[in-house]
Protein backbone atom coordinates (compact mmCIF):
# COMPACT_ATOMS: atom_id res chain seq x y z
CA MET A 1 -58.05 -37.72 81.12
CA SER A 2 -59.23 -34.56 79.50
CA VAL A 3 -61.40 -32.57 77.18
CA TYR A 4 -59.12 -30.23 74.22
CA VAL A 5 -60.61 -27.43 71.87
CA ASP A 6 -58.62 -26.16 69.07
CA ASP A 7 -57.78 -23.13 68.32
CA ALA A 8 -59.07 -23.29 64.93
CA ARG A 9 -61.25 -21.30 63.25
CA ASN A 10 -63.23 -22.79 59.90
CA ARG A 11 -66.22 -21.28 58.39
CA TYR A 12 -69.49 -22.56 58.20
CA GLY A 13 -71.71 -20.63 57.19
CA ARG A 14 -71.92 -17.66 59.28
CA MET A 15 -70.64 -19.67 62.42
CA ILE A 16 -67.20 -19.77 63.27
CA MET A 17 -66.02 -23.44 63.98
CA CYS A 18 -63.03 -25.10 66.30
CA HIS A 19 -62.61 -29.00 67.14
CA MET A 20 -63.22 -30.72 70.39
CA LEU A 21 -62.00 -33.82 71.24
CA ALA A 22 -60.53 -35.98 74.28
CA ASP A 23 -58.74 -38.79 75.70
CA ILE A 24 -61.82 -40.91 76.26
CA GLU A 25 -64.90 -40.91 74.29
CA ALA A 26 -67.80 -40.66 76.95
CA GLU A 27 -65.37 -37.63 78.54
CA LEU A 28 -65.83 -35.94 75.11
CA HIS A 29 -69.63 -36.62 75.06
CA GLN A 30 -70.28 -35.81 78.71
CA MET A 31 -68.58 -32.22 78.07
CA ALA A 32 -70.41 -32.24 74.59
CA GLU A 33 -73.88 -32.77 76.83
CA LYS A 34 -72.36 -30.22 79.30
CA ILE A 35 -72.38 -27.14 76.99
CA GLY A 36 -75.33 -27.78 75.72
CA VAL A 37 -73.81 -30.64 72.23
CA SER A 38 -76.49 -32.77 70.76
CA THR A 39 -74.15 -36.08 70.71
CA LYS A 40 -75.98 -36.60 67.11
CA TRP A 41 -73.12 -34.06 65.90
CA ALA A 42 -70.10 -36.17 67.05
CA GLN A 43 -68.07 -37.29 64.11
CA ARG A 44 -65.02 -39.88 64.70
CA GLY A 45 -64.25 -39.04 68.06
CA HIS A 46 -64.37 -34.99 68.00
CA TYR A 47 -66.88 -32.51 67.67
CA ASP A 48 -66.61 -29.34 65.44
CA ILE A 49 -67.86 -26.59 67.93
CA CYS A 50 -69.01 -22.62 67.45
CA LEU A 51 -66.52 -20.55 69.51
CA SER A 52 -69.60 -19.36 72.43
CA LYS A 53 -69.57 -23.30 72.80
CA ARG A 54 -66.26 -23.79 73.21
CA LYS A 55 -65.71 -20.57 76.02
CA LEU A 56 -68.42 -22.95 78.04
CA ALA A 57 -65.98 -25.86 77.69
CA LEU A 58 -63.10 -24.51 78.90
CA GLU A 59 -65.31 -22.41 81.53
CA ALA A 60 -66.44 -26.13 82.02
CA GLY A 61 -62.19 -27.49 82.54
CA ALA A 62 -61.36 -28.29 78.63
CA VAL A 63 -57.70 -27.52 77.85
CA GLU A 64 -56.91 -25.24 74.96
CA ILE A 65 -54.82 -26.85 72.09
CA THR A 66 -53.28 -25.72 68.82
CA GLN A 67 -54.51 -27.08 65.89
CA ARG A 68 -51.01 -28.94 65.83
CA GLU A 69 -51.87 -31.23 69.79
CA ALA A 70 -55.09 -31.65 67.85
CA VAL A 71 -54.26 -33.37 64.82
CA VAL A 72 -51.65 -35.90 67.38
CA ILE A 73 -54.47 -36.28 69.45
CA ARG A 74 -56.51 -37.73 67.14
CA ARG A 75 -54.02 -39.77 65.26
CA GLN A 76 -53.75 -41.31 69.18
CA TYR A 77 -57.02 -41.83 68.97
CA THR A 78 -57.45 -43.27 65.95
CA ALA A 79 -54.34 -45.83 66.80
CA ARG A 80 -56.30 -47.10 69.31
CA ARG A 81 -59.97 -47.41 67.85
CA ARG A 82 -57.47 -49.20 65.43
CA CYS A 83 -55.61 -51.60 67.87
CA VAL A 84 -59.48 -52.13 69.51
CA GLY A 85 -61.04 -53.33 66.74
CA MET A 86 -58.15 -56.02 66.08
CA GLY A 87 -58.54 -57.58 69.06
CA ARG A 88 -55.58 -56.46 70.83
CA GLN A 89 -53.90 -52.82 73.10
CA GLU A 90 -51.57 -50.58 72.57
CA ARG A 91 -48.00 -51.02 73.13
CA SER A 92 -47.16 -47.59 73.02
CA THR A 93 -47.82 -44.12 71.57
CA PRO A 94 -47.80 -43.17 68.14
CA ARG A 95 -45.61 -40.06 67.00
CA VAL A 96 -46.64 -37.60 65.16
CA ASP A 97 -43.51 -38.57 62.54
CA GLY A 98 -45.62 -42.13 62.35
CA ARG A 99 -42.71 -44.06 64.21
CA ARG A 100 -44.35 -45.72 67.75
CA GLY A 101 -42.37 -44.26 71.22
CA GLY A 102 -42.47 -45.44 74.40
CA GLU A 103 -40.81 -48.45 75.67
CA ASP A 104 -39.95 -50.02 71.99
CA ALA A 105 -38.79 -47.34 70.28
């Protein structure tokens, strides 16, 4: 599993921010702690981080992705959380177009 940082460039005051996300929430929080971001800044499966923290995350092993790839990963994260909340495991990975992928496609 991996931690990812996207190529977003969103202004927040004087800072430029991007997103850090992961396949597994525990890995995301571990990376946040490793690069000096408080876990209180977590936002439903991702962090908004400044570019200096992005650089630290990449040096610590995060994978660089595009904003589009980040959307796919976030949808997968949301689908997994929804399935777990319903008491069942997900059988396949959702695709960007909303259809199911995997063995039952």
